[in-house]
Amino acid sequence: MDFLIPIIIQAISGMVGGGVAGGLLKNVAMSVLPKLLAGGLGGIAGGSALGAILGSATGAAGGDAMGGMLGGMDIGALLGNVGGGAVGGGVLTALAGQFLGKK
């Protein structure tokens, strides 16, 4: 069950990043469902990549600053999941808007 928590965090932050990208970029004038799907998928991809990088970097330095509050996740992995999820979701939503958006 612990493996689902990072995926949920990445998907939610990706949807938020996709919503921000949709609000900022005029060419991402898609309906809500494609925007959420693109944001969620991009969030999982970006969060997984950055979470693994930051998690291993801070884990090697003893960076489990939150102790037992986050279960098996360290703070670097959490920040990577949220930040990478938001950026990944925004990027994939912007790219999808280029191809799927209303002209």
PDB file of N, CA and C in Angstrom:
ATOM      1  N   MET A   1       0.811  -1.193   0.000  1.00  0.00           N
ATOM      2  CA  MET A   1       0.000   0.000   0.000  1.00  0.00           C
ATOM      3  C   MET A   1       0.858   1.262   0.000  1.00  0.00           C
ATOM      4  N   ASP A   2       2.063   1.165   0.560  1.00  0.00           N
ATOM      5  CA  ASP A   2       2.933   2.337   0.618  1.00  0.00           C
ATOM      6  C   ASP A   2       3.370   2.815  -0.759  1.00  0.00           C
ATOM      7  N   PHE A   3       3.382   1.928  -1.742  1.00  0.00           N
ATOM      8  CA  PHE A   3       3.811   2.331  -3.082  1.00  0.00           C
ATOM      9  C   PHE A   3       2.769   3.221  -3.761  1.00  0.00           C
ATOM     10  N   LEU A   4       1.529   3.222  -3.293  1.00  0.00           N
ATOM     11  CA  LEU A   4       0.490   4.064  -3.897  1.00  0.00           C
ATOM     12  C   LEU A   4       0.593   5.527  -3.481  1.00  0.00           C
ATOM     13  N   ILE A   5       1.139   5.799  -2.318  1.00  0.00           N
ATOM     14  CA  ILE A   5       1.193   7.174  -1.815  1.00  0.00           C
ATOM     15  C   ILE A   5       1.986   8.089  -2.743  1.00  0.00           C
ATOM     16  N   PRO A   6       3.207   7.719  -3.187  1.00  0.00           N
ATOM     17  CA  PRO A   6       3.914   8.611  -4.119  1.00  0.00           C
ATOM     18  C   PRO A   6       3.168   8.806  -5.434  1.00  0.00           C
ATOM     19  N   ILE A   7       2.514   7.759  -5.930  1.00  0.00           N
ATOM     20  CA  ILE A   7       1.781   7.881  -7.197  1.00  0.00           C
ATOM     21  C   ILE A   7       0.615   8.846  -7.044  1.00  0.00           C
ATOM     22  N   ILE A   8      -0.083   8.777  -5.920  1.00  0.00           N
ATOM     23  CA  ILE A   8      -1.206   9.689  -5.672  1.00  0.00           C
ATOM     24  C   ILE A   8      -0.703  11.122  -5.558  1.00  0.00           C
ATOM     25  N   ILE A   9       0.396  11.317  -4.838  1.00  0.00           N
ATOM     26  CA  ILE A   9       0.979  12.660  -4.696  1.00  0.00           C
ATOM     27  C   ILE A   9       1.391  13.200  -6.059  1.00  0.00           C
ATOM     28  N   GLN A  10       2.036  12.373  -6.866  1.00  0.00           N
ATOM     29  CA  GLN A  10       2.488  12.805  -8.194  1.00  0.00           C
ATOM     30  C   GLN A  10       1.306  13.149  -9.090  1.00  0.00           C
ATOM     31  N   ALA A  11       0.268  12.323  -9.066  1.00  0.00           N
ATOM     32  CA  ALA A  11      -0.884  12.571  -9.926  1.00  0.00           C
ATOM     33  C   ALA A  11      -1.610  13.851  -9.533  1.00  0.00           C
ATOM     34  N   ILE A  12      -1.806  14.061  -8.233  1.00  0.00           N
ATOM     35  CA  ILE A  12      -2.509  15.273  -7.781  1.00  0.00           C
ATOM     36  C   ILE A  12      -1.688  16.516  -8.093  1.00  0.00           C
ATOM     37  N   SER A  13      -0.392  16.478  -7.798  1.00  0.00           N
ATOM     38  CA  SER A  13       0.424  17.659  -8.094  1.00  0.00           C
ATOM     39  C   SER A  13       0.542  17.871  -9.601  1.00  0.00           C
ATOM     40  N   GLY A  14       0.513  16.798 -10.382  1.00  0.00           N
ATOM     41  CA  GLY A  14       0.510  16.929 -11.842  1.00  0.00           C
ATOM     42  C   GLY A  14      -0.763  17.579 -12.347  1.00  0.00           C
ATOM     43  N   MET A  15      -1.895  17.227 -11.744  1.00  0.00           N
ATOM     44  CA  MET A  15      -3.157  17.865 -12.130  1.00  0.00           C
ATOM     45  C   MET A  15      -3.156  19.343 -11.778  1.00  0.00           C
ATOM     46  N   VAL A  16      -2.583  19.670 -10.624  1.00  0.00           N
ATOM     47  CA  VAL A  16      -2.463  21.081 -10.246  1.00  0.00           C
ATOM     48  C   VAL A  16      -1.551  21.807 -11.233  1.00  0.00           C
ATOM     49  N   GLY A  17      -0.404  21.201 -11.559  1.00  0.00           N
ATOM     50  CA  GLY A  17       0.513  21.807 -12.535  1.00  0.00           C
ATOM     51  C   GLY A  17      -0.130  21.945 -13.893  1.00  0.00           C
ATOM     52  N   GLY A  18      -0.920  20.955 -14.289  1.00  0.00           N
ATOM     53  CA  GLY A  18      -1.638  21.036 -15.559  1.00  0.00           C
ATOM     54  C   GLY A  18      -2.678  22.140 -15.555  1.00  0.00           C
ATOM     55  N   GLY A  19      -3.353  22.315 -14.432  1.00  0.00           N
ATOM     56  CA  GLY A  19      -4.331  23.403 -14.310  1.00  0.00           C
ATOM     57  C   GLY A  19      -3.676  24.767 -14.374  1.00  0.00           C
ATOM     58  N   VAL A  20      -2.519  24.898 -13.741  1.00  0.00           N
ATOM     59  CA  VAL A  20      -1.779  26.170 -13.800  1.00  0.00           C
ATOM     60  C   VAL A  20      -1.324  26.448 -15.223  1.00  0.00           C
ATOM     61  N   ALA A  21      -0.777  25.417 -15.885  1.00  0.00           N
ATOM     62  CA  ALA A  21      -0.342  25.600 -17.272  1.00  0.00           C
ATOM     63  C   ALA A  21      -1.528  25.958 -18.153  1.00  0.00           C
ATOM     64  N   GLY A  22      -2.671  25.323 -17.902  1.00  0.00           N
ATOM     65  CA  GLY A  22      -3.867  25.627 -18.679  1.00  0.00           C
ATOM     66  C   GLY A  22      -4.351  27.046 -18.474  1.00  0.00           C
ATOM     67  N   GLY A  23      -4.182  27.558 -17.261  1.00  0.00           N
ATOM     68  CA  GLY A  23      -4.587  28.928 -16.985  1.00  0.00           C
ATOM     69  C   GLY A  23      -3.629  29.957 -17.552  1.00  0.00           C
ATOM     70  N   LEU A  24      -2.351  29.613 -17.632  1.00  0.00           N
ATOM     71  CA  LEU A  24      -1.349  30.568 -18.092  1.00  0.00           C
ATOM     72  C   LEU A  24      -1.186  30.605 -19.608  1.00  0.00           C
ATOM     73  N   LEU A  25      -1.362  29.455 -20.240  1.00  0.00           N
ATOM     74  CA  LEU A  25      -1.107  29.368 -21.674  1.00  0.00           C
ATOM     75  C   LEU A  25      -2.417  29.364 -22.442  1.00  0.00           C
ATOM     76  N   LYS A  26      -2.542  30.268 -23.348  1.00  0.00           N
ATOM     77  CA  LYS A  26      -3.766  30.409 -24.127  1.00  0.00           C
ATOM     78  C   LYS A  26      -4.030  29.191 -25.009  1.00  0.00           C
ATOM     79  N   ASN A  27      -2.978  28.543 -25.482  1.00  0.00           N
ATOM     80  CA  ASN A  27      -3.150  27.419 -26.404  1.00  0.00           C
ATOM     81  C   ASN A  27      -3.587  26.141 -25.701  1.00  0.00           C
ATOM     82  N   VAL A  28      -3.697  26.141 -24.375  1.00  0.00           N
ATOM     83  CA  VAL A  28      -4.150  24.962 -23.645  1.00  0.00           C
ATOM     84  C   VAL A  28      -5.627  25.142 -23.301  1.00  0.00           C
ATOM     85  N   ALA A  29      -6.414  25.510 -24.287  1.00  0.00           N
ATOM     86  CA  ALA A  29      -7.844  25.722 -24.082  1.00  0.00           C
ATOM     87  C   ALA A  29      -8.592  24.412 -24.292  1.00  0.00           C
ATOM     88  N   MET A  30      -8.205  23.385 -23.534  1.00  0.00           N
ATOM     89  CA  MET A  30      -8.837  22.084 -23.622  1.00  0.00           C
ATOM     90  C   MET A  30      -9.944  22.013 -22.584  1.00  0.00           C
ATOM     91  N   SER A  31     -10.791  20.988 -22.723  1.00  0.00           N
ATOM     92  CA  SER A  31     -11.785  20.766 -21.689  1.00  0.00           C
ATOM     93  C   SER A  31     -11.096  20.211 -20.439  1.00  0.00           C
ATOM     94  N   VAL A  32     -11.827  20.086 -19.373  1.00  0.00           N
ATOM     95  CA  VAL A  32     -11.239  19.731 -18.086  1.00  0.00           C
ATOM     96  C   VAL A  32     -10.688  18.304 -18.071  1.00  0.00           C
ATOM     97  N   LEU A  33     -11.408  17.344 -18.610  1.00  0.00           N
ATOM     98  CA  LEU A  33     -10.963  15.952 -18.523  1.00  0.00           C
ATOM     99  C   LEU A  33      -9.622  15.703 -19.213  1.00  0.00           C
ATOM    100  N   PRO A  34      -9.413  16.147 -20.463  1.00  0.00           N
ATOM    101  CA  PRO A  34      -8.077  15.947 -21.049  1.00  0.00           C
ATOM    102  C   PRO A  34      -6.975  16.672 -20.286  1.00  0.00           C
ATOM    103  N   LYS A  35      -7.311  17.823 -19.729  1.00  0.00           N
ATOM    104  CA  LYS A  35      -6.322  18.576 -18.955  1.00  0.00           C
ATOM    105  C   LYS A  35      -5.938  17.797 -17.695  1.00  0.00           C
ATOM    106  N   LEU A  36      -6.929  17.196 -17.029  1.00  0.00           N
ATOM    107  CA  LEU A  36      -6.644  16.416 -15.829  1.00  0.00           C
ATOM    108  C   LEU A  36      -5.870  15.135 -16.163  1.00  0.00           C
ATOM    109  N   LEU A  37      -6.248  14.485 -17.248  1.00  0.00           N
ATOM    110  CA  LEU A  37      -5.537  13.267 -17.647  1.00  0.00           C
ATOM    111  C   LEU A  37      -4.087  13.562 -18.010  1.00  0.00           C
ATOM    112  N   ALA A  38      -3.875  14.591 -18.811  1.00  0.00           N
ATOM    113  CA  ALA A  38      -2.505  14.954 -19.192  1.00  0.00           C
ATOM    114  C   ALA A  38      -1.701  15.379 -17.976  1.00  0.00           C
ATOM    115  N   GLY A  39      -2.321  16.154 -17.093  1.00  0.00           N
ATOM    116  CA  GLY A  39      -1.625  16.588 -15.885  1.00  0.00           C
ATOM    117  C   GLY A  39      -1.271  15.430 -14.979  1.00  0.00           C
ATOM    118  N   GLY A  40      -2.201  14.499 -14.800  1.00  0.00           N
ATOM    119  CA  GLY A  40      -1.944  13.348 -13.946  1.00  0.00           C
ATOM    120  C   GLY A  40      -0.853  12.445 -14.490  1.00  0.00           C
ATOM    121  N   LEU A  41      -0.919  12.158 -15.787  1.00  0.00           N
ATOM    122  CA  LEU A  41       0.111  11.298 -16.398  1.00  0.00           C
ATOM    123  C   LEU A  41       1.478  11.966 -16.385  1.00  0.00           C
ATOM    124  N   GLY A  42       1.517  13.251 -16.734  1.00  0.00           N
ATOM    125  CA  GLY A  42       2.786  13.979 -16.697  1.00  0.00           C
ATOM    126  C   GLY A  42       3.318  14.100 -15.276  1.00  0.00           C
ATOM    127  N   GLY A  43       2.413  14.232 -14.328  1.00  0.00           N
ATOM    128  CA  GLY A  43       2.820  14.317 -12.927  1.00  0.00           C
ATOM    129  C   GLY A  43       3.458  13.043 -12.429  1.00  0.00           C
ATOM    130  N   ILE A  44       2.898  11.909 -12.815  1.00  0.00           N
ATOM    131  CA  ILE A  44       3.469  10.627 -12.399  1.00  0.00           C
ATOM    132  C   ILE A  44       4.850  10.439 -13.019  1.00  0.00           C
ATOM    133  N   ALA A  45       4.983  10.778 -14.298  1.00  0.00           N
ATOM    134  CA  ALA A  45       6.286  10.629 -14.961  1.00  0.00           C
ATOM    135  C   ALA A  45       7.324  11.578 -14.365  1.00  0.00           C
ATOM    136  N   GLY A  46       6.983  12.856 -14.268  1.00  0.00           N
ATOM    137  CA  GLY A  46       7.937  13.835 -13.740  1.00  0.00           C
ATOM    138  C   GLY A  46       8.246  13.615 -12.271  1.00  0.00           C
ATOM    139  N   GLY A  47       7.218  13.280 -11.490  1.00  0.00           N
ATOM    140  CA  GLY A  47       7.436  13.036 -10.064  1.00  0.00           C
ATOM    141  C   GLY A  47       8.264  11.804  -9.804  1.00  0.00           C
ATOM    142  N   SER A  48       8.058  10.764 -10.599  1.00  0.00           N
ATOM    143  CA  SER A  48       8.859   9.542 -10.431  1.00  0.00           C
ATOM    144  C   SER A  48      10.326   9.811 -10.716  1.00  0.00           C
ATOM    145  N   ALA A  49      10.584  10.552 -11.784  1.00  0.00           N
ATOM    146  CA  ALA A  49      11.972  10.836 -12.161  1.00  0.00           C
ATOM    147  C   ALA A  49      12.657  11.707 -11.117  1.00  0.00           C
ATOM    148  N   LEU A  50      12.039  12.839 -10.773  1.00  0.00           N
ATOM    149  CA  LEU A  50      12.675  13.758  -9.833  1.00  0.00           C
ATOM    150  C   LEU A  50      12.664  13.209  -8.411  1.00  0.00           C
ATOM    151  N   GLY A  51      11.602  12.490  -8.045  1.00  0.00           N
ATOM    152  CA  GLY A  51      11.547  11.889  -6.715  1.00  0.00           C
ATOM    153  C   GLY A  51      12.655  10.877  -6.495  1.00  0.00           C
ATOM    154  N   ALA A  52      12.947  10.092  -7.518  1.00  0.00           N
ATOM    155  CA  ALA A  52      14.027   9.115  -7.399  1.00  0.00           C
ATOM    156  C   ALA A  52      15.380   9.803  -7.275  1.00  0.00           C
ATOM    157  N   ILE A  53      15.565  10.875  -8.035  1.00  0.00           N
ATOM    158  CA  ILE A  53      16.844  11.592  -7.979  1.00  0.00           C
ATOM    159  C   ILE A  53      17.030  12.269  -6.628  1.00  0.00           C
ATOM    160  N   LEU A  54      16.029  13.046  -6.206  1.00  0.00           N
ATOM    161  CA  LEU A  54      16.152  13.758  -4.938  1.00  0.00           C
ATOM    162  C   LEU A  54      16.101  12.816  -3.747  1.00  0.00           C
ATOM    163  N   GLY A  55      15.307  11.751  -3.855  1.00  0.00           N
ATOM    164  CA  GLY A  55      15.214  10.798  -2.753  1.00  0.00           C
ATOM    165  C   GLY A  55      16.517  10.092  -2.494  1.00  0.00           C
ATOM    166  N   SER A  56      17.196   9.674  -3.551  1.00  0.00           N
ATOM    167  CA  SER A  56      18.472   8.985  -3.355  1.00  0.00           C
ATOM    168  C   SER A  56      19.561   9.960  -2.931  1.00  0.00           C
ATOM    169  N   ALA A  57      19.494  11.195  -3.408  1.00  0.00           N
ATOM    170  CA  ALA A  57      20.513  12.179  -3.035  1.00  0.00           C
ATOM    171  C   ALA A  57      20.406  12.541  -1.559  1.00  0.00           C
ATOM    172  N   THR A  58      19.179  12.779  -1.070  1.00  0.00           N
ATOM    173  CA  THR A  58      19.045  13.134   0.340  1.00  0.00           C
ATOM    174  C   THR A  58      19.113  11.907   1.229  1.00  0.00           C
ATOM    175  N   GLY A  59      18.720  10.744   0.685  1.00  0.00           N
ATOM    176  CA  GLY A  59      18.821   9.523   1.477  1.00  0.00           C
ATOM    177  C   GLY A  59      20.265   9.169   1.768  1.00  0.00           C
ATOM    178  N   ALA A  60      21.137   9.418   0.818  1.00  0.00           N
ATOM    179  CA  ALA A  60      22.560   9.143   1.028  1.00  0.00           C
ATOM    180  C   ALA A  60      23.152  10.081   2.067  1.00  0.00           C
ATOM    181  N   ALA A  61      22.579  11.266   2.194  1.00  0.00           N
ATOM    182  CA  ALA A  61      23.075  12.231   3.174  1.00  0.00           C
ATOM    183  C   ALA A  61      22.331  12.134   4.491  1.00  0.00           C
ATOM    184  N   GLY A  62      21.459  11.129   4.648  1.00  0.00           N
ATOM    185  CA  GLY A  62      20.706  11.000   5.892  1.00  0.00           C
ATOM    186  C   GLY A  62      19.598  12.028   5.972  1.00  0.00           C
ATOM    187  N   GLY A  63      18.860  12.228   4.897  1.00  0.00           N
ATOM    188  CA  GLY A  63      17.889  13.314   4.838  1.00  0.00           C
ATOM    189  C   GLY A  63      16.487  12.958   5.256  1.00  0.00           C
ATOM    190  N   ASP A  64      16.275  11.933   6.076  1.00  0.00           N
ATOM    191  CA  ASP A  64      14.922  11.601   6.520  1.00  0.00           C
ATOM    192  C   ASP A  64      14.560  12.518   7.677  1.00  0.00           C
ATOM    193  N   ALA A  65      14.381  13.786   7.366  1.00  0.00           N
ATOM    194  CA  ALA A  65      14.173  14.807   8.381  1.00  0.00           C
ATOM    195  C   ALA A  65      12.814  14.705   9.052  1.00  0.00           C
ATOM    196  N   MET A  66      11.851  14.081   8.401  1.00  0.00           N
ATOM    197  CA  MET A  66      10.512  14.022   8.972  1.00  0.00           C
ATOM    198  C   MET A  66      10.309  12.795   9.854  1.00  0.00           C
ATOM    199  N   GLY A  67      11.300  11.984  10.016  1.00  0.00           N
ATOM    200  CA  GLY A  67      11.191  10.823  10.883  1.00  0.00           C
ATOM    201  C   GLY A  67      10.138   9.845  10.400  1.00  0.00           C
ATOM    202  N   GLY A  68       9.294   9.414  11.290  1.00  0.00           N
ATOM    203  CA  GLY A  68       8.297   8.417  10.948  1.00  0.00           C
ATOM    204  C   GLY A  68       6.998   8.995  10.428  1.00  0.00           C
ATOM    205  N   MET A  69       6.870  10.303  10.329  1.00  0.00           N
ATOM    206  CA  MET A  69       5.601  10.902   9.919  1.00  0.00           C
ATOM    207  C   MET A  69       5.224  10.557   8.488  1.00  0.00           C
ATOM    208  N   LEU A  70       6.187  10.373   7.629  1.00  0.00           N
ATOM    209  CA  LEU A  70       5.902  10.099   6.228  1.00  0.00           C
ATOM    210  C   LEU A  70       6.066   8.629   5.879  1.00  0.00           C
ATOM    211  N   GLY A  71       6.159   7.785   6.846  1.00  0.00           N
ATOM    212  CA  GLY A  71       6.325   6.358   6.569  1.00  0.00           C
ATOM    213  C   GLY A  71       7.687   6.091   5.972  1.00  0.00           C
ATOM    214  N   GLY A  72       7.710   5.446   4.794  1.00  0.00           N
ATOM    215  CA  GLY A  72       8.963   5.084   4.157  1.00  0.00           C
ATOM    216  C   GLY A  72       9.535   6.165   3.266  1.00  0.00           C
ATOM    217  N   MET A  73       8.852   7.315   3.124  1.00  0.00           N
ATOM    218  CA  MET A  73       9.340   8.358   2.222  1.00  0.00           C
ATOM    219  C   MET A  73      10.231   9.327   2.983  1.00  0.00           C
ATOM    220  N   ASP A  74      11.299   9.760   2.362  1.00  0.00           N
ATOM    221  CA  ASP A  74      12.089  10.813   2.974  1.00  0.00           C
ATOM    222  C   ASP A  74      11.669  12.164   2.380  1.00  0.00           C
ATOM    223  N   ILE A  75      12.161  13.230   2.952  1.00  0.00           N
ATOM    224  CA  ILE A  75      11.727  14.569   2.552  1.00  0.00           C
ATOM    225  C   ILE A  75      12.164  14.897   1.122  1.00  0.00           C
ATOM    226  N   GLY A  76      13.310  14.389   0.694  1.00  0.00           N
ATOM    227  CA  GLY A  76      13.763  14.627  -0.677  1.00  0.00           C
ATOM    228  C   GLY A  76      12.842  13.979  -1.688  1.00  0.00           C
ATOM    229  N   ALA A  77      12.422  12.759  -1.395  1.00  0.00           N
ATOM    230  CA  ALA A  77      11.497  12.075  -2.298  1.00  0.00           C
ATOM    231  C   ALA A  77      10.155  12.790  -2.333  1.00  0.00           C
ATOM    232  N   LEU A  78       9.695  13.267  -1.180  1.00  0.00           N
ATOM    233  CA  LEU A  78       8.427  13.989  -1.137  1.00  0.00           C
ATOM    234  C   LEU A  78       8.496  15.274  -1.961  1.00  0.00           C
ATOM    235  N   LEU A  79       9.559  16.035  -1.786  1.00  0.00           N
ATOM    236  CA  LEU A  79       9.724  17.268  -2.566  1.00  0.00           C
ATOM    237  C   LEU A  79       9.860  16.962  -4.052  1.00  0.00           C
ATOM    238  N   GLY A  80      10.569  15.891  -4.376  1.00  0.00           N
ATOM    239  CA  GLY A  80      10.704  15.491  -5.773  1.00  0.00           C
ATOM    240  C   GLY A  80       9.387  15.067  -6.376  1.00  0.00           C
ATOM    241  N   ASN A  81       8.579  14.347  -5.604  1.00  0.00           N
ATOM    242  CA  ASN A  81       7.274  13.921  -6.095  1.00  0.00           C
ATOM    243  C   ASN A  81       6.351  15.101  -6.349  1.00  0.00           C
ATOM    244  N   VAL A  82       6.331  16.054  -5.433  1.00  0.00           N
ATOM    245  CA  VAL A  82       5.462  17.221  -5.590  1.00  0.00           C
ATOM    246  C   VAL A  82       5.977  18.142  -6.693  1.00  0.00           C
ATOM    247  N   GLY A  83       7.260  18.504  -6.627  1.00  0.00           N
ATOM    248  CA  GLY A  83       7.827  19.422  -7.626  1.00  0.00           C
ATOM    249  C   GLY A  83       7.864  18.817  -9.018  1.00  0.00           C
ATOM    250  N   GLY A  84       8.354  17.600  -9.104  1.00  0.00           N
ATOM    251  CA  GLY A  84       8.404  16.926 -10.402  1.00  0.00           C
ATOM    252  C   GLY A  84       7.027  16.656 -10.951  1.00  0.00           C
ATOM    253  N   GLY A  85       6.081  16.356 -10.064  1.00  0.00           N
ATOM    254  CA  GLY A  85       4.713  16.131 -10.502  1.00  0.00           C
ATOM    255  C   GLY A  85       4.094  17.380 -11.082  1.00  0.00           C
ATOM    256  N   ALA A  86       4.290  18.502 -10.399  1.00  0.00           N
ATOM    257  CA  ALA A  86       3.720  19.768 -10.889  1.00  0.00           C
ATOM    258  C   ALA A  86       4.341  20.184 -12.218  1.00  0.00           C
ATOM    259  N   VAL A  87       5.655  20.078 -12.307  1.00  0.00           N
ATOM    260  CA  VAL A  87       6.330  20.459 -13.552  1.00  0.00           C
ATOM    261  C   VAL A  87       5.984  19.491 -14.681  1.00  0.00           C
ATOM    262  N   GLY A  88       6.033  18.198 -14.390  1.00  0.00           N
ATOM    263  CA  GLY A  88       5.702  17.202 -15.408  1.00  0.00           C
ATOM    264  C   GLY A  88       4.270  17.337 -15.902  1.00  0.00           C
ATOM    265  N   GLY A  89       3.348  17.582 -14.973  1.00  0.00           N
ATOM    266  CA  GLY A  89       1.957  17.778 -15.366  1.00  0.00           C
ATOM    267  C   GLY A  89       1.757  19.021 -16.202  1.00  0.00           C
ATOM    268  N   GLY A  90       2.441  20.099 -15.833  1.00  0.00           N
ATOM    269  CA  GLY A  90       2.335  21.327 -16.612  1.00  0.00           C
ATOM    270  C   GLY A  90       2.909  21.181 -18.011  1.00  0.00           C
ATOM    271  N   VAL A  91       4.047  20.519 -18.103  1.00  0.00           N
ATOM    272  CA  VAL A  91       4.692  20.343 -19.407  1.00  0.00           C
ATOM    273  C   VAL A  91       3.850  19.461 -20.318  1.00  0.00           C
ATOM    274  N   LEU A  92       3.371  18.327 -19.797  1.00  0.00           N
ATOM    275  CA  LEU A  92       2.587  17.440 -20.653  1.00  0.00           C
ATOM    276  C   LEU A  92       1.251  18.084 -21.036  1.00  0.00           C
ATOM    277  N   THR A  93       0.659  18.852 -20.131  1.00  0.00           N
ATOM    278  CA  THR A  93      -0.586  19.544 -20.461  1.00  0.00           C
ATOM    279  C   THR A  93      -0.352  20.599 -21.527  1.00  0.00           C
ATOM    280  N   ALA A  94       0.754  21.328 -21.433  1.00  0.00           N
ATOM    281  CA  ALA A  94       1.073  22.335 -22.452  1.00  0.00           C
ATOM    282  C   ALA A  94       1.316  21.676 -23.794  1.00  0.00           C
ATOM    283  N   LEU A  95       2.030  20.549 -23.794  1.00  0.00           N
ATOM    284  CA  LEU A  95       2.271  19.838 -25.048  1.00  0.00           C
ATOM    285  C   LEU A  95       0.966  19.286 -25.639  1.00  0.00           C
ATOM    286  N   ALA A  96       0.121  18.742 -24.774  1.00  0.00           N
ATOM    287  CA  ALA A  96      -1.174  18.229 -25.251  1.00  0.00           C
ATOM    288  C   ALA A  96      -2.028  19.368 -25.787  1.00  0.00           C
ATOM    289  N   GLY A  97      -1.914  20.534 -25.166  1.00  0.00           N
ATOM    290  CA  GLY A  97      -2.664  21.694 -25.641  1.00  0.00           C
ATOM    291  C   GLY A  97      -2.246  22.126 -27.030  1.00  0.00           C
ATOM    292  N   GLN A  98      -0.978  21.931 -27.359  1.00  0.00           N
ATOM    293  CA  GLN A  98      -0.500  22.260 -28.697  1.00  0.00           C
ATOM    294  C   GLN A  98      -1.186  21.409 -29.746  1.00  0.00           C
ATOM    295  N   PHE A  99      -1.461  20.152 -29.403  1.00  0.00           N
ATOM    296  CA  PHE A  99      -2.019  19.223 -30.374  1.00  0.00           C
ATOM    297  C   PHE A  99      -3.527  19.052 -30.263  1.00  0.00           C
ATOM    298  N   LEU A 100      -4.065  19.173 -29.046  1.00  0.00           N
ATOM    299  CA  LEU A 100      -5.481  18.923 -28.827  1.00  0.00           C
ATOM    300  C   LEU A 100      -6.296  20.178 -28.588  1.00  0.00           C
ATOM    301  N   GLY A 101      -5.609  21.291 -28.302  1.00  0.00           N
ATOM    302  CA  GLY A 101      -6.307  22.523 -27.955  1.00  0.00           C
ATOM    303  C   GLY A 101      -7.096  23.103 -29.127  1.00  0.00           C
ATOM    304  N   LYS A 102      -8.051  23.924 -28.740  1.00  0.00           N
ATOM    305  CA  LYS A 102      -8.858  24.593 -29.766  1.00  0.00           C
ATOM    306  C   LYS A 102      -8.047  25.702 -30.403  1.00  0.00           C
ATOM    307  N   LYS A 103      -8.099  25.794 -31.702  1.00  0.00           N
ATOM    308  CA  LYS A 103      -7.343  26.804 -32.435  1.00  0.00           C
ATOM    309  C   LYS A 103      -8.170  28.052 -32.630  1.00  0.00           C
TER     310      LYS A 103
END
